[in-house]
């Protein structure tokens, strides 16, 4: 990853000098009709940092440094919230573009026309895909299809990577079951114990690890986590912010929590996965239920350098979390579009569901979904597989499979102590003959 170029000048000093030298006047800074008004608007809309802003084509009397200083001046008066964590104050602003993205996201708070079975199935599968992508983002080496099979069938992990995915999946389930809790240091430790599959008590990072981010061009330290001695205090402050009943938009606050937890970086490992789990937990806690169906980490995994850069932008530009918030809203926006396309594909898929095997047998939509999988893959499945795939309780999955076996669509066999189901000979013959 190419690290962002740091600002090597003081923007207040540059601006002050320009004003004293009459290079610009104060009216030009705030005017909507100045020569650089459009450029300022574009840079703010995309919320660009210096490493991009410096390449803006400008009038001869406006240097890149001056343009950045004017931009910073305009941003400095728009911050809507400042959050103190230790000795640092983090801040962000909400521009018209961010408001538009929030409006789009809020319109999806109620998923249109989904049955309870569909909600359960889509949520269960999203959780699996999120656990896999979040783990792969941190280096887990596992194929998506094989990992999904493992989670659905509740198979034992065969490698460290697979165990990472299983743990992440359990952590998301744990978070969802505990949305009634307030955030506390103990609760964070509980999430850590699930994600790391550890019962270790002394779990916070030690200073001896020397965890930090450096610029490989000049060895300058871009980010160094807070001292280990401060971790618990900082987490307490983070918990107070999370539990406070302020008027912050829930999606923005979830993104801020994601960033601040990663900033504190309390553990030796698992910080990214826990930060993303806390985002998920807080969104569901506040009733933004669309996040049950989204797999944001799949997009993050496709653009890891951009994900890393927005952390750095905040850290090297006066703790401005707007970079991180804006990026997260873009990711959510993209995943909402993906989910909309997914719903359309599922709608078409339903209309094409073959009635060949179920002719004369009354099946509910959930049972039709089960039969469709057997028809397409002609494999053998346990009850646990459909429990996890469809997001239903074990007894419901068992009852569905037993009913379909009783009607002659499936056949039940036993493998060890476990019952297995597959298509009956009668069903296979129908598929073969096409009638």
Protein backbone atom coordinates (compact mmCIF):
# COMPACT_ATOMS: atom_id res chain seq x y z
CA UNK A 1 0.00 0.00 0.00
CA UNK A 2 1.27 3.47 -0.90
CA UNK A 3 1.08 5.48 2.30
CA UNK A 4 -0.56 8.93 2.12
CA UNK A 5 1.72 11.91 1.85
CA UNK A 6 1.70 13.88 5.07
CA UNK A 7 1.12 17.62 5.25
CA UNK A 8 4.49 19.20 6.09
CA UNK A 9 3.23 22.72 6.73
CA UNK A 10 0.91 24.44 9.18
CA UNK A 11 -2.31 25.34 7.37
CA UNK A 12 -3.20 28.13 9.81
CA UNK A 13 0.18 29.80 9.19
CA UNK A 14 -0.19 29.50 5.40
CA UNK A 15 -3.67 31.02 5.57
CA UNK A 16 -2.59 33.82 7.87
CA UNK A 17 0.33 34.72 5.61
CA UNK A 18 -1.90 34.78 2.52
CA UNK A 19 -4.34 37.11 4.26
CA UNK A 20 -1.56 39.42 5.42
CA UNK A 21 0.02 39.45 1.94
CA UNK A 22 -3.39 40.14 0.36
CA UNK A 23 -3.03 37.00 -1.74
CA UNK A 24 -6.66 36.33 -0.84
CA UNK A 25 -9.28 38.03 1.28
CA UNK A 26 -11.61 36.60 3.85
CA UNK A 27 -14.59 37.02 1.54
CA UNK A 28 -12.98 34.77 -1.05
CA UNK A 29 -12.60 32.04 1.54
CA UNK A 30 -16.31 31.90 2.26
CA UNK A 31 -17.69 32.99 -1.12
CA UNK A 32 -19.68 30.58 -3.25
CA UNK A 33 -18.69 32.52 -6.38
CA UNK A 34 -14.91 32.58 -6.07
CA UNK A 35 -12.58 31.09 -8.68
CA UNK A 36 -11.96 28.07 -6.50
CA UNK A 37 -15.50 27.61 -5.17
CA UNK A 38 -16.22 24.60 -7.40
CA UNK A 39 -12.89 23.00 -6.53
CA UNK A 40 -13.54 23.47 -2.81
CA UNK A 41 -17.01 21.98 -3.19
CA UNK A 42 -15.71 18.93 -5.06
CA UNK A 43 -12.89 18.31 -2.57
CA UNK A 44 -15.32 18.54 0.33
CA UNK A 45 -17.97 16.38 -1.35
CA UNK A 46 -15.49 13.53 -1.81
CA UNK A 47 -13.82 14.48 1.48
CA UNK A 48 -10.36 14.29 0.00
CA UNK A 49 -7.10 14.44 1.90
CA UNK A 50 -3.99 16.43 0.98
CA UNK A 51 -2.49 13.57 -1.06
CA UNK A 52 -5.27 14.11 -3.64
CA UNK A 53 -6.13 17.76 -3.04
CA UNK A 54 -2.58 18.87 -3.89
CA UNK A 55 -3.09 17.81 -7.52
CA UNK A 56 -6.12 20.07 -8.07
CA UNK A 57 -5.66 22.40 -11.07
CA UNK A 58 -5.84 25.88 -9.56
CA UNK A 59 -5.55 29.55 -10.55
CA UNK A 60 -1.97 30.88 -10.65
CA UNK A 61 -2.34 32.88 -7.45
CA UNK A 62 -3.54 29.88 -5.42
CA UNK A 63 -0.91 27.29 -4.49
CA UNK A 64 -1.89 23.73 -3.48
CA UNK A 65 -0.80 24.60 0.07
CA UNK A 66 -3.08 27.64 0.15
CA UNK A 67 -5.98 25.71 -1.36
CA UNK A 68 -5.60 23.02 1.32
CA UNK A 69 -5.44 25.69 4.03
CA UNK A 70 -8.68 27.30 2.79
CA UNK A 71 -10.32 23.87 2.67
CA UNK A 72 -9.18 23.11 6.22
CA UNK A 73 -10.44 26.50 7.40
CA UNK A 74 -13.88 25.83 5.95
CA UNK A 75 -14.01 22.33 7.43
CA UNK A 76 -12.90 23.54 10.86
CA UNK A 77 -16.13 25.49 11.37
CA UNK A 78 -18.42 22.59 10.46
CA UNK A 79 -17.57 19.86 12.99
CA UNK A 80 -20.77 18.64 14.65
CA UNK A 81 -19.34 16.40 17.37
CA UNK A 82 -16.08 16.18 19.25
CA UNK A 83 -15.23 13.04 21.19
CA UNK A 84 -12.53 13.00 23.85
CA UNK A 85 -10.58 9.80 24.33
CA UNK A 86 -7.61 10.16 26.65
CA UNK A 87 -5.58 13.18 25.59
CA UNK A 88 -7.01 13.17 22.05
CA UNK A 89 -10.14 14.83 20.70
CA UNK A 90 -11.70 13.22 17.62
CA UNK A 91 -14.16 15.10 15.45
CA UNK A 92 -16.27 14.81 12.33
CA UNK A 93 -18.58 16.88 10.16
CA UNK A 94 -21.69 16.08 8.14
CA UNK A 95 -21.77 17.57 4.64
CA UNK A 96 -24.68 17.37 2.14
CA UNK A 97 -23.19 14.28 0.51
CA UNK A 98 -23.03 12.44 3.84
CA UNK A 99 -26.62 13.48 4.57
CA UNK A 100 -27.73 12.05 1.21
CA UNK A 101 -26.00 8.74 1.93
CA UNK A 102 -27.58 8.55 5.38
CA UNK A 103 -31.00 9.21 3.87
CA UNK A 104 -30.48 6.37 1.38
CA UNK A 105 -29.36 3.99 4.14
CA UNK A 106 -32.24 4.94 6.44
CA UNK A 107 -34.74 4.13 3.67
CA UNK A 108 -33.64 0.50 3.95
CA UNK A 109 -34.32 0.17 7.68
CA UNK A 110 -37.46 -1.83 6.90
CA UNK A 111 -36.70 -4.61 4.43
CA UNK A 112 -39.59 -4.63 1.95
CA UNK A 113 -41.86 -7.62 1.54
CA UNK A 114 -39.71 -10.28 3.20
CA UNK A 115 -41.38 -13.22 4.86
CA UNK A 116 -40.12 -14.41 8.24
CA UNK A 117 -38.50 -17.44 6.57
CA UNK A 118 -36.71 -15.17 4.10
CA UNK A 119 -35.52 -12.85 6.86
CA UNK A 120 -34.13 -15.82 8.79
CA UNK A 121 -32.40 -17.33 5.76
CA UNK A 122 -30.90 -14.10 4.43
CA UNK A 123 -29.71 -13.06 7.89
CA UNK A 124 -28.14 -16.46 8.61
CA UNK A 125 -26.25 -16.49 5.32
CA UNK A 126 -25.12 -12.88 5.65
CA UNK A 127 -23.65 -13.68 9.06
CA UNK A 128 -21.68 -16.60 7.62
CA UNK A 129 -20.38 -14.54 4.71
CA UNK A 130 -19.46 -11.67 7.05
CA UNK A 131 -17.56 -14.03 9.38
CA UNK A 132 -15.67 -15.50 6.43
CA UNK A 133 -14.83 -12.15 4.80
CA UNK A 134 -13.86 -10.48 8.09
CA UNK A 135 -11.51 -13.38 8.86
CA UNK A 136 -10.03 -13.43 5.36
CA UNK A 137 -9.45 -9.69 5.67
CA UNK A 138 -7.17 -10.56 8.61
CA UNK A 139 -5.30 -13.28 6.72
CA UNK A 140 -7.44 -16.41 7.04
CA UNK A 141 -6.70 -18.74 4.11
CA UNK A 142 -9.96 -20.52 3.34
CA UNK A 143 -12.17 -20.84 0.27
CA UNK A 144 -15.56 -19.18 0.69
CA UNK A 145 -17.60 -22.16 -0.56
CA UNK A 146 -15.79 -24.62 1.72
CA UNK A 147 -16.11 -22.28 4.71
CA UNK A 148 -19.86 -21.86 4.16
CA UNK A 149 -20.23 -25.65 3.95
CA UNK A 150 -18.32 -25.99 7.22
CA UNK A 151 -20.51 -23.45 9.03
CA UNK A 152 -23.78 -24.79 7.69
CA UNK A 153 -23.02 -28.43 8.44
CA UNK A 154 -21.37 -27.51 11.75
CA UNK A 155 -18.23 -29.38 10.73
CA UNK A 156 -15.08 -29.16 12.91
CA UNK A 157 -12.42 -26.70 11.79
CA UNK A 158 -9.46 -28.40 10.12
CA UNK A 159 -7.03 -25.47 10.22
CA UNK A 160 -6.21 -22.28 12.07
CA UNK A 161 -7.91 -20.27 9.31
CA UNK A 162 -11.09 -22.29 9.54
CA UNK A 163 -11.09 -21.94 13.33
CA UNK A 164 -10.76 -18.17 12.92
CA UNK A 165 -13.89 -18.19 10.76
CA UNK A 166 -15.83 -20.39 13.20
CA UNK A 167 -14.86 -18.09 16.09
CA UNK A 168 -15.87 -14.99 14.13
CA UNK A 169 -19.22 -16.54 13.27
CA UNK A 170 -19.81 -17.39 16.92
CA UNK A 171 -18.89 -13.83 17.91
CA UNK A 172 -21.48 -12.36 15.52
CA UNK A 173 -24.13 -14.68 16.95
CA UNK A 174 -23.01 -13.75 20.47
CA UNK A 175 -23.23 -10.04 19.64
CA UNK A 176 -26.71 -10.41 18.18
CA UNK A 177 -27.96 -12.28 21.25
CA UNK A 178 -26.62 -9.54 23.55
CA UNK A 179 -27.96 -6.35 21.96
CA UNK A 180 -29.81 -5.62 25.19
CA UNK A 181 -26.50 -5.12 27.02
CA UNK A 182 -24.68 -1.85 27.42
CA UNK A 183 -21.06 -1.78 26.32
CA UNK A 184 -18.57 -2.48 29.09
CA UNK A 185 -14.97 -3.57 29.35
CA UNK A 186 -16.18 -6.96 30.54
CA UNK A 187 -18.47 -7.33 27.52
CA UNK A 188 -15.56 -6.44 25.21
CA UNK A 189 -13.50 -9.12 26.94
CA UNK A 190 -16.32 -11.60 26.39
CA UNK A 191 -16.35 -10.84 22.66
CA UNK A 192 -12.56 -11.25 22.64
CA UNK A 193 -12.81 -14.64 24.35
CA UNK A 194 -15.25 -15.83 21.67
CA UNK A 195 -13.31 -14.43 18.71
CA UNK A 196 -9.99 -15.75 19.98
CA UNK A 197 -11.47 -18.94 21.48
CA UNK A 198 -9.54 -18.15 24.63
CA UNK A 199 -10.20 -18.18 28.37
CA UNK A 200 -6.99 -16.29 29.13
CA UNK A 201 -7.47 -13.59 31.77
CA UNK A 202 -4.50 -11.28 31.06
CA UNK A 203 -5.44 -10.35 27.51
CA UNK A 204 -4.54 -6.71 26.91
CA UNK A 205 -1.67 -5.73 24.65
CA UNK A 206 1.77 -5.16 26.19
CA UNK A 207 4.05 -2.23 25.30
CA UNK A 208 6.88 -4.68 24.68
CA UNK A 209 5.20 -5.69 21.39
CA UNK A 210 6.00 -2.23 19.99
CA UNK A 211 2.89 -2.17 17.79
CA UNK A 212 2.93 0.84 15.46
CA UNK A 213 2.50 1.97 11.85
CA UNK A 214 5.51 3.63 10.21
CA UNK A 215 6.05 5.39 6.88
CA UNK A 216 8.53 3.16 5.03
CA UNK A 217 9.76 6.19 3.06
CA UNK A 218 11.20 8.03 6.05
CA UNK A 219 10.51 5.73 9.05
CA UNK A 220 8.23 8.37 10.51
CA UNK A 221 5.69 6.92 12.92
CA UNK A 222 2.21 7.41 11.47
CA UNK A 223 0.37 5.70 14.26
CA UNK A 224 1.36 4.24 17.57
CA UNK A 225 -1.38 2.79 19.78
CA UNK A 226 -1.84 4.28 23.25
CA UNK A 227 0.31 2.96 26.08
CA UNK A 228 -0.79 -0.37 27.50
CA UNK A 229 -1.29 1.24 30.90
CA UNK A 230 -4.00 3.47 29.39
CA UNK A 231 -5.99 0.75 27.61
CA UNK A 232 -8.55 0.06 30.33
CA UNK A 233 -9.19 3.75 30.96
CA UNK A 234 -9.61 4.42 27.24
CA UNK A 235 -12.01 1.50 26.89
CA UNK A 236 -14.03 2.84 29.83
CA UNK A 237 -14.23 6.22 28.07
CA UNK A 238 -15.24 4.49 24.83
CA UNK A 239 -17.98 2.59 26.68
CA UNK A 240 -19.27 5.84 28.21
CA UNK A 241 -19.49 7.38 24.74
CA UNK A 242 -21.27 4.33 23.31
CA UNK A 243 -23.75 4.14 26.18
CA UNK A 244 -24.51 7.88 26.18
CA UNK A 245 -27.92 8.90 24.88
CA UNK A 246 -26.78 11.62 22.50
CA UNK A 247 -28.50 12.46 19.21
CA UNK A 248 -25.77 11.08 16.97
CA UNK A 249 -27.05 9.19 13.93
CA UNK A 250 -26.83 5.47 14.75
CA UNK A 251 -24.95 4.54 11.56
CA UNK A 252 -22.41 7.31 12.08
CA UNK A 253 -21.97 6.34 15.73
CA UNK A 254 -21.44 2.69 14.73
CA UNK A 255 -18.67 3.82 12.35
CA UNK A 256 -17.12 6.00 15.08
CA UNK A 257 -17.14 3.02 17.48
CA UNK A 258 -15.45 0.91 14.79
CA UNK A 259 -12.71 3.51 14.41
CA UNK A 260 -12.17 4.30 18.10
CA UNK A 261 -11.91 0.66 19.12
CA UNK A 262 -9.31 0.09 16.40
CA UNK A 263 -7.51 3.22 17.62
CA UNK A 264 -7.28 1.90 21.19
CA UNK A 265 -6.10 -1.43 19.76
CA UNK A 266 -6.38 -3.15 23.15
CA UNK A 267 -5.39 -6.69 22.16
CA UNK A 268 -2.43 -8.36 20.52
CA UNK A 269 -4.70 -9.87 17.88
CA UNK A 270 -8.33 -9.76 16.80
CA UNK A 271 -8.81 -5.96 17.03
CA UNK A 272 -10.15 -5.56 13.49
CA UNK A 273 -12.61 -8.42 13.83
CA UNK A 274 -13.83 -7.13 17.19
CA UNK A 275 -14.18 -3.57 15.82
CA UNK A 276 -16.37 -4.85 12.97
CA UNK A 277 -18.36 -7.02 15.40
CA UNK A 278 -19.00 -3.97 17.60
CA UNK A 279 -20.23 -2.05 14.55
CA UNK A 280 -22.69 -4.90 13.87
CA UNK A 281 -23.72 -5.15 17.53
CA UNK A 282 -24.39 -1.42 17.91
CA UNK A 283 -26.36 -1.13 14.66
CA UNK A 284 -28.66 -4.00 15.68
CA UNK A 285 -28.90 -2.65 19.23
CA UNK A 286 -30.25 0.60 17.81
CA UNK A 287 -32.71 -1.16 15.52
CA UNK A 288 -30.92 -0.58 12.21
CA UNK A 289 -31.84 -4.12 11.22
CA UNK A 290 -30.80 -3.87 7.58
CA UNK A 291 -27.30 -4.74 8.81
CA UNK A 292 -28.52 -8.27 9.51
CA UNK A 293 -28.51 -8.82 5.76
CA UNK A 294 -25.29 -7.07 4.74
CA UNK A 295 -21.75 -8.40 4.46
CA UNK A 296 -19.66 -5.23 4.59
CA UNK A 297 -16.37 -7.10 5.05
CA UNK A 298 -16.71 -8.61 1.57
CA UNK A 299 -16.34 -5.10 0.14
CA UNK A 300 -13.61 -4.16 2.64
CA UNK A 301 -11.66 -7.25 1.61
CA UNK A 302 -11.80 -6.13 -2.03
CA UNK A 303 -10.31 -2.70 -1.14
CA UNK A 304 -8.05 -3.31 1.88
CA UNK A 305 -5.63 -0.47 1.03
CA UNK A 306 -8.47 2.09 0.97
CA UNK A 307 -9.75 0.69 4.27
CA UNK A 308 -6.30 1.09 5.81
CA UNK A 309 -5.83 4.58 4.35
CA UNK A 310 -8.93 6.09 5.93
CA UNK A 311 -7.62 5.03 9.33
CA UNK A 312 -4.35 6.81 8.52
CA UNK A 313 -6.08 9.93 7.14
CA UNK A 314 -7.86 10.38 10.46
CA UNK A 315 -4.70 9.80 12.46
CA UNK A 316 -2.52 12.22 10.47
CA UNK A 317 -5.13 14.92 9.85
CA UNK A 318 -5.97 16.24 13.28
CA UNK A 319 -8.12 13.23 14.33
CA UNK A 320 -10.77 13.98 11.71
CA UNK A 321 -12.96 10.83 11.65
CA UNK A 322 -14.99 12.20 8.70
CA UNK A 323 -12.66 10.31 6.34
CA UNK A 324 -13.51 7.03 8.04
CA UNK A 325 -17.25 7.79 8.29
CA UNK A 326 -17.50 8.83 4.63
CA UNK A 327 -15.67 5.69 3.51
CA UNK A 328 -17.92 3.45 5.61
CA UNK A 329 -21.05 5.08 4.20
CA UNK A 330 -19.76 4.41 0.68
CA UNK A 331 -19.19 0.75 1.59
CA UNK A 332 -22.69 0.47 3.08
CA UNK A 333 -24.17 2.21 0.02
CA UNK A 334 -22.49 -0.31 -2.29
CA UNK A 335 -23.54 -3.30 -0.18
CA UNK A 336 -27.15 -2.07 -0.09
CA UNK A 337 -27.13 -2.04 -3.87
CA UNK A 338 -25.67 -5.55 -3.82
CA UNK A 339 -28.43 -6.67 -1.45
CA UNK A 340 -31.10 -5.14 -3.70
CA UNK A 341 -29.68 -7.09 -6.65
CA UNK A 342 -29.61 -10.23 -4.49
CA UNK A 343 -33.29 -9.80 -3.61
CA UNK A 344 -34.15 -9.42 -7.28
CA UNK A 345 -32.17 -12.55 -8.15
CA UNK A 346 -33.92 -14.52 -5.40
CA UNK A 347 -37.29 -13.30 -6.68
CA UNK A 348 -36.51 -14.56 -10.18
CA UNK A 349 -35.09 -17.77 -8.74
CA UNK A 350 -38.36 -18.44 -6.93
CA UNK A 351 -40.37 -17.99 -10.09
CA UNK A 352 -38.16 -20.60 -11.77
CA UNK A 353 -38.37 -23.17 -8.93
CA UNK A 354 -39.20 -26.52 -10.55
CA UNK A 355 -42.42 -28.13 -9.37
CA UNK A 356 -41.37 -31.50 -10.78
CA UNK A 357 -40.64 -33.28 -7.51
CA UNK A 358 -43.24 -31.60 -5.32
CA UNK A 359 -46.14 -32.35 -7.65
CA UNK A 360 -49.04 -33.44 -5.46
CA UNK A 361 -47.19 -32.62 -2.21
CA UNK A 362 -48.06 -29.48 -0.30
CA UNK A 363 -44.86 -27.66 0.71
CA UNK A 364 -44.36 -24.31 2.41
CA UNK A 365 -41.79 -21.84 0.96
CA UNK A 366 -39.12 -22.99 3.42
CA UNK A 367 -39.57 -26.64 2.45
CA UNK A 368 -39.50 -25.68 -1.24
CA UNK A 369 -36.14 -24.01 -0.58
CA UNK A 370 -34.84 -27.21 1.02
CA UNK A 371 -36.08 -29.31 -1.91
CA UNK A 372 -34.54 -26.92 -4.40
CA UNK A 373 -31.10 -27.42 -2.85
CA UNK A 374 -31.45 -31.20 -2.94
CA UNK A 375 -32.63 -31.03 -6.56
CA UNK A 376 -29.72 -28.85 -7.69
CA UNK A 377 -26.91 -30.51 -5.73
CA UNK A 378 -28.25 -34.04 -5.20
CA UNK A 379 -26.17 -34.38 -2.04
CA UNK A 380 -26.62 -35.69 1.49
CA UNK A 381 -27.26 -33.25 4.33
CA UNK A 382 -27.69 -33.36 8.08
CA UNK A 383 -30.36 -31.47 10.01
CA UNK A 384 -27.79 -29.00 11.33
CA UNK A 385 -27.02 -27.88 7.77
CA UNK A 386 -30.53 -26.58 7.12
CA UNK A 387 -30.86 -25.21 10.65
CA UNK A 388 -27.88 -22.96 9.95
CA UNK A 389 -28.59 -22.26 6.29
CA UNK A 390 -32.17 -21.20 6.90
CA UNK A 391 -31.60 -19.55 10.28
CA UNK A 392 -34.22 -21.70 12.02
CA UNK A 393 -34.24 -23.78 15.19
CA UNK A 394 -33.12 -27.41 15.04
CA UNK A 395 -36.62 -28.79 15.67
CA UNK A 396 -38.10 -26.84 12.73
CA UNK A 397 -35.41 -28.14 10.37
CA UNK A 398 -35.91 -31.67 11.67
CA UNK A 399 -39.70 -31.47 11.26
CA UNK A 400 -39.38 -30.17 7.68
CA UNK A 401 -36.99 -32.95 6.64
CA UNK A 402 -39.05 -35.67 8.33
CA UNK A 403 -42.21 -34.44 6.59
CA UNK A 404 -40.51 -34.45 3.18
CA UNK A 405 -39.16 -37.95 3.83
CA UNK A 406 -42.64 -39.12 4.84
CA UNK A 407 -43.99 -37.76 1.55
CA UNK A 408 -41.40 -39.75 -0.39
CA UNK A 409 -39.37 -36.78 -1.59
CA UNK A 410 -36.36 -37.54 0.62
CA UNK A 411 -34.87 -40.58 2.23
CA UNK A 412 -33.50 -40.69 5.79
CA UNK A 413 -30.37 -42.67 6.67
CA UNK A 414 -28.11 -42.80 9.70
CA UNK A 415 -24.42 -42.00 9.87
CA UNK A 416 -23.06 -42.76 13.32
CA UNK A 417 -25.44 -41.05 15.70
CA UNK A 418 -26.63 -38.53 13.13
CA UNK A 419 -29.57 -38.69 10.72
CA UNK A 420 -28.80 -37.74 7.12
CA UNK A 421 -31.18 -36.86 4.30
CA UNK A 422 -30.93 -37.13 0.52
CA UNK A 423 -33.26 -37.37 -2.47
CA UNK A 424 -35.27 -40.59 -2.62
CA UNK A 425 -34.86 -43.00 -5.55
CA UNK A 426 -38.30 -41.93 -6.74
CA UNK A 427 -37.22 -38.26 -6.80
CA UNK A 428 -33.93 -39.06 -8.54
CA UNK A 429 -35.81 -41.05 -11.18
CA UNK A 430 -38.14 -38.10 -11.79
CA UNK A 431 -35.14 -35.80 -12.26
CA UNK A 432 -33.49 -38.28 -14.64
CA UNK A 433 -36.62 -38.77 -16.73
CA UNK A 434 -37.69 -35.15 -16.52
CA UNK A 435 -41.23 -36.08 -15.59
